Amino acid sequence: MSSSDKAERNLRALRDIQPGEELTYFYPSTEWHMDGFQCWCGEKNCLGWPRGSQVLSRAEIVERGRGLINTHISILLDRRDNPRN
């Protein structure tokens, strides 16, 4: 995902997507706090009830998000995990 415009989102696939293939999205990679909702995607790394990255460990975000984390989320994780810096 890339864009400096907060109203615009650009997504880039890491592999070819087949017609009709279902897409999933790891919300904590871009959302710090959000109202949770029941997810039915069936993805093996699905949280089931995503609520944003503030409730997850950095390790869990990196693992489940396959290492793709928005810069803003990374900064907020640094502040949360290292409050003296």
C-alpha atoms as a PDB file:
ATOM      1  CA  MET A   1       0.000   0.000   0.000  1.00  0.00           C
ATOM      2  CA  SER A   2       1.396   3.374  -0.879  1.00  0.00           C
ATOM      3  CA  SER A   3       0.191   6.945  -1.060  1.00  0.00           C
ATOM      4  CA  SER A   4       0.866  10.131   0.854  1.00  0.00           C
ATOM      5  CA  ASP A   5      -2.732  11.229   0.216  1.00  0.00           C
ATOM      6  CA  LYS A   6      -4.862  10.022   3.139  1.00  0.00           C
ATOM      7  CA  ALA A   7      -7.946   9.934   0.896  1.00  0.00           C
ATOM      8  CA  GLU A   8      -6.250   7.627  -1.609  1.00  0.00           C
ATOM      9  CA  ARG A   9      -5.244   3.998  -1.186  1.00  0.00           C
ATOM     10  CA  ASN A  10      -3.108   2.115  -3.684  1.00  0.00           C
ATOM     11  CA  LEU A  11      -2.714  -1.620  -3.304  1.00  0.00           C
ATOM     12  CA  ARG A  12      -0.148  -3.744  -5.099  1.00  0.00           C
ATOM     13  CA  ALA A  13      -0.487  -7.503  -5.346  1.00  0.00           C
ATOM     14  CA  LEU A  14       2.515  -9.602  -4.334  1.00  0.00           C
ATOM     15  CA  ARG A  15       1.469 -12.226  -6.883  1.00  0.00           C
ATOM     16  CA  ASP A  16      -0.931 -12.617  -9.794  1.00  0.00           C
ATOM     17  CA  ILE A  17      -4.590 -12.647  -8.746  1.00  0.00           C
ATOM     18  CA  GLN A  18      -6.873 -14.993 -10.613  1.00  0.00           C
ATOM     19  CA  PRO A  19     -10.330 -13.872 -11.830  1.00  0.00           C
ATOM     20  CA  GLY A  20     -12.896 -14.680  -9.141  1.00  0.00           C
ATOM     21  CA  GLU A  21     -10.245 -15.210  -6.459  1.00  0.00           C
ATOM     22  CA  GLU A  22     -11.281 -13.852  -3.060  1.00  0.00           C
ATOM     23  CA  LEU A  23      -9.090 -11.104  -1.612  1.00  0.00           C
ATOM     24  CA  THR A  24      -8.397 -10.652   2.090  1.00  0.00           C
ATOM     25  CA  TYR A  25      -7.034  -7.657   3.987  1.00  0.00           C
ATOM     26  CA  PHE A  26      -5.111  -7.561   7.272  1.00  0.00           C
ATOM     27  CA  TYR A  27      -6.632  -4.460   8.909  1.00  0.00           C
ATOM     28  CA  PRO A  28      -4.036  -4.109  11.709  1.00  0.00           C
ATOM     29  CA  SER A  29      -1.384  -3.400   9.060  1.00  0.00           C
ATOM     30  CA  THR A  30      -2.980   0.039   8.575  1.00  0.00           C
ATOM     31  CA  GLU A  31      -5.431   0.561  11.466  1.00  0.00           C
ATOM     32  CA  TRP A  32      -4.285   1.370  15.013  1.00  0.00           C
ATOM     33  CA  HIS A  33      -7.714   1.482  16.650  1.00  0.00           C
ATOM     34  CA  MET A  34     -10.977   0.388  15.125  1.00  0.00           C
ATOM     35  CA  ASP A  35     -14.306  -1.029  16.180  1.00  0.00           C
ATOM     36  CA  GLY A  36     -14.081  -4.784  15.914  1.00  0.00           C
ATOM     37  CA  PHE A  37     -16.223  -6.870  13.604  1.00  0.00           C
ATOM     38  CA  GLN A  38     -16.711 -10.571  12.984  1.00  0.00           C
ATOM     39  CA  CYS A  39     -14.634 -11.682   9.994  1.00  0.00           C
ATOM     40  CA  TRP A  40     -15.633 -14.729   8.003  1.00  0.00           C
ATOM     41  CA  CYS A  41     -12.796 -14.758   5.434  1.00  0.00           C
ATOM     42  CA  GLY A  42     -11.442 -18.168   6.449  1.00  0.00           C
ATOM     43  CA  GLU A  43      -7.804 -17.119   5.889  1.00  0.00           C
ATOM     44  CA  LYS A  44      -5.454 -19.167   8.094  1.00  0.00           C
ATOM     45  CA  ASN A  45      -4.028 -15.978   9.693  1.00  0.00           C
ATOM     46  CA  CYS A  46      -7.433 -14.361  10.249  1.00  0.00           C
ATOM     47  CA  LEU A  47      -7.913 -12.720  13.634  1.00  0.00           C
ATOM     48  CA  GLY A  48     -11.612 -13.594  13.634  1.00  0.00           C
ATOM     49  CA  TRP A  49     -12.440 -10.264  15.296  1.00  0.00           C
ATOM     50  CA  PRO A  50     -10.031  -7.558  14.038  1.00  0.00           C
ATOM     51  CA  ARG A  51      -9.768  -4.497  16.302  1.00  0.00           C
ATOM     52  CA  GLY A  52      -6.635  -2.730  15.089  1.00  0.00           C
ATOM     53  CA  SER A  53      -2.958  -3.118  15.846  1.00  0.00           C
ATOM     54  CA  GLN A  54      -2.963  -1.472  19.286  1.00  0.00           C
ATOM     55  CA  VAL A  55      -4.216  -4.722  20.848  1.00  0.00           C
ATOM     56  CA  LEU A  56      -1.613  -6.969  19.159  1.00  0.00           C
ATOM     57  CA  SER A  57       2.080  -7.556  19.741  1.00  0.00           C
ATOM     58  CA  ARG A  58       4.518  -6.395  17.069  1.00  0.00           C
ATOM     59  CA  ALA A  59       5.503 -10.042  16.476  1.00  0.00           C
ATOM     60  CA  GLU A  60       1.883 -11.016  15.852  1.00  0.00           C
ATOM     61  CA  ILE A  61       1.371  -8.112  13.433  1.00  0.00           C
ATOM     62  CA  VAL A  62       4.544  -8.972  11.502  1.00  0.00           C
ATOM     63  CA  GLU A  63       3.676 -12.678  11.355  1.00  0.00           C
ATOM     64  CA  ARG A  64       0.011 -12.343  10.446  1.00  0.00           C
ATOM     65  CA  GLY A  65       0.570  -9.357   8.179  1.00  0.00           C
ATOM     66  CA  ARG A  66       3.460 -11.092   6.406  1.00  0.00           C
ATOM     67  CA  GLY A  67       5.785  -8.242   7.357  1.00  0.00           C
ATOM     68  CA  LEU A  68       3.720  -5.574   5.593  1.00  0.00           C
ATOM     69  CA  ILE A  69       3.052  -2.773   8.092  1.00  0.00           C
ATOM     70  CA  ASN A  70       2.134   0.832   7.366  1.00  0.00           C
ATOM     71  CA  THR A  71       4.848   3.278   8.492  1.00  0.00           C
ATOM     72  CA  HIS A  72       2.359   5.065  10.757  1.00  0.00           C
ATOM     73  CA  ILE A  73       1.520   1.799  12.535  1.00  0.00           C
ATOM     74  CA  SER A  74       5.222   1.009  12.958  1.00  0.00           C
ATOM     75  CA  ILE A  75       5.782   4.415  14.601  1.00  0.00           C
ATOM     76  CA  LEU A  76       2.826   3.903  16.957  1.00  0.00           C
ATOM     77  CA  LEU A  77       4.131   0.437  17.884  1.00  0.00           C
ATOM     78  CA  ASP A  78       7.557   1.941  18.653  1.00  0.00           C
ATOM     79  CA  ARG A  79       5.942   4.553  20.919  1.00  0.00           C
ATOM     80  CA  ARG A  80       3.829   1.934  22.674  1.00  0.00           C
ATOM     81  CA  ASP A  81       6.619  -0.608  23.111  1.00  0.00           C
ATOM     82  CA  ASN A  82       9.378   1.914  23.973  1.00  0.00           C
ATOM     83  CA  PRO A  83       7.611   4.724  25.874  1.00  0.00           C
ATOM     84  CA  ARG A  84      10.869   6.383  26.992  1.00  0.00           C
ATOM     85  CA  ASN A  85      12.092   7.076  23.439  1.00  0.00           C
END
